[in-house]
Amino acid sequence: MKFSDAQLQRCYEINLAEAKDSSDSLRQIHALIAARDLFHMLDGPHSARAYEAVEHLLQPGLRAGLHQWYERPGAGLDAAAAEFKDQLSQLSGEKF
């Protein structure tokens, strides 16, 4: 996966390497959400880097993995994670 921002690329690659999820798509979802969360926190809610991570999350090839991510056993969500899940659902037109 390629990003326009070098810091986003590095963050994604580090999180992908550290992800212990069972499938490649879940590892990618994990890394993208971690990168989005970091840049959302650092740059604020209108972060271009966070938006780019979200764009990748919503690619058709990752939609099935995104559904699996939110259906995993023990995938309890705090308020911020639940709000992000709802945001993804609204942007995609799908219920996650």
Protein backbone atom coordinates (compact mmCIF):
# COMPACT_ATOMS: atom_id res chain seq x y z
CA MET A 1 0.00 0.00 0.00
CA LYS A 2 1.39 3.38 -0.97
CA PHE A 3 0.67 6.74 0.65
CA SER A 4 1.43 10.28 -0.47
CA ASP A 5 2.90 11.20 2.94
CA ALA A 6 6.18 9.62 4.05
CA GLN A 7 5.29 9.73 7.76
CA LEU A 8 1.95 8.04 7.10
CA GLN A 9 3.72 5.41 5.01
CA ARG A 10 6.20 4.71 7.81
CA CYS A 11 3.50 4.58 10.48
CA TYR A 12 1.45 2.15 8.41
CA GLU A 13 4.45 -0.09 7.73
CA ILE A 14 5.45 -0.21 11.42
CA ASN A 15 1.90 -1.06 12.51
CA LEU A 16 1.55 -3.65 9.75
CA ALA A 17 4.77 -5.36 10.86
CA GLU A 18 3.61 -5.39 14.50
CA ALA A 19 0.05 -6.57 13.78
CA LYS A 20 -0.69 -10.07 15.07
CA ASP A 21 -4.03 -10.50 13.31
CA SER A 22 -4.83 -13.76 11.56
CA SER A 23 -5.19 -12.56 7.97
CA ASP A 24 -3.47 -10.04 5.72
CA SER A 25 -6.62 -7.98 5.37
CA LEU A 26 -7.06 -7.77 9.17
CA ARG A 27 -3.40 -6.80 9.54
CA GLN A 28 -3.94 -4.04 6.97
CA ILE A 29 -7.10 -2.85 8.74
CA HIS A 30 -5.23 -2.81 12.06
CA ALA A 31 -2.36 -0.80 10.59
CA LEU A 32 -4.65 1.68 8.82
CA ILE A 33 -6.78 2.30 11.91
CA ALA A 34 -3.67 2.75 14.06
CA ALA A 35 -2.21 5.22 11.54
CA ARG A 36 -5.50 7.09 11.27
CA ASP A 37 -5.80 7.30 15.06
CA LEU A 38 -2.26 8.63 15.44
CA PHE A 39 -2.58 11.37 12.85
CA HIS A 40 -6.10 12.26 13.98
CA MET A 41 -4.64 12.79 17.45
CA LEU A 42 -1.51 14.65 16.27
CA ASP A 43 -3.00 16.77 13.47
CA GLY A 44 -6.60 17.13 14.61
CA PRO A 45 -9.92 16.05 13.16
CA HIS A 46 -9.21 17.51 9.71
CA SER A 47 -5.86 15.79 9.24
CA ALA A 48 -5.01 15.08 5.60
CA ARG A 49 -3.00 12.05 6.73
CA ALA A 50 -5.95 10.66 8.71
CA TYR A 51 -8.21 11.22 5.69
CA GLU A 52 -5.80 9.35 3.46
CA ALA A 53 -5.78 6.39 5.84
CA VAL A 54 -9.59 6.39 5.81
CA GLU A 55 -9.61 6.47 2.00
CA HIS A 56 -7.50 3.32 1.99
CA LEU A 57 -9.72 1.68 4.64
CA LEU A 58 -12.76 2.21 2.44
CA GLN A 59 -11.27 0.70 -0.71
CA PRO A 60 -13.48 -2.08 -2.10
CA GLY A 61 -10.75 -4.68 -1.58
CA LEU A 62 -10.70 -4.06 2.18
CA ARG A 63 -14.45 -3.85 2.84
CA ALA A 64 -14.78 -7.54 3.74
CA GLY A 65 -11.83 -7.21 6.11
CA LEU A 66 -13.38 -4.12 7.68
CA HIS A 67 -16.58 -6.07 8.35
CA GLN A 68 -14.50 -8.87 9.91
CA TRP A 69 -12.61 -6.33 12.02
CA TYR A 70 -15.76 -5.08 13.68
CA GLU A 71 -17.26 -8.57 14.04
CA ARG A 72 -14.23 -10.09 15.80
CA PRO A 73 -14.83 -11.66 19.21
CA GLY A 74 -13.74 -9.25 21.89
CA ALA A 75 -13.80 -6.25 19.56
CA GLY A 76 -15.31 -4.06 22.26
CA LEU A 77 -15.30 -0.42 21.26
CA ASP A 78 -14.77 2.62 23.41
CA ALA A 79 -16.76 5.75 22.57
CA ALA A 80 -14.17 7.12 20.11
CA ALA A 81 -13.84 3.79 18.29
CA ALA A 82 -17.64 3.43 18.07
CA GLU A 83 -17.89 6.96 16.66
CA PHE A 84 -15.20 6.14 14.07
CA LYS A 85 -17.04 2.93 13.12
CA ASP A 86 -20.21 4.97 12.60
CA GLN A 87 -18.26 7.49 10.50
CA LEU A 88 -16.92 4.68 8.29
CA SER A 89 -20.44 3.29 7.92
CA GLN A 90 -21.76 6.68 6.89
CA LEU A 91 -18.94 7.33 4.40
CA SER A 92 -19.24 3.90 2.81
CA GLY A 93 -23.00 3.49 2.87
CA GLU A 94 -22.49 0.11 4.57
CA LYS A 95 -23.13 -0.96 8.15
CA PHE A 96 -19.95 -2.09 9.89
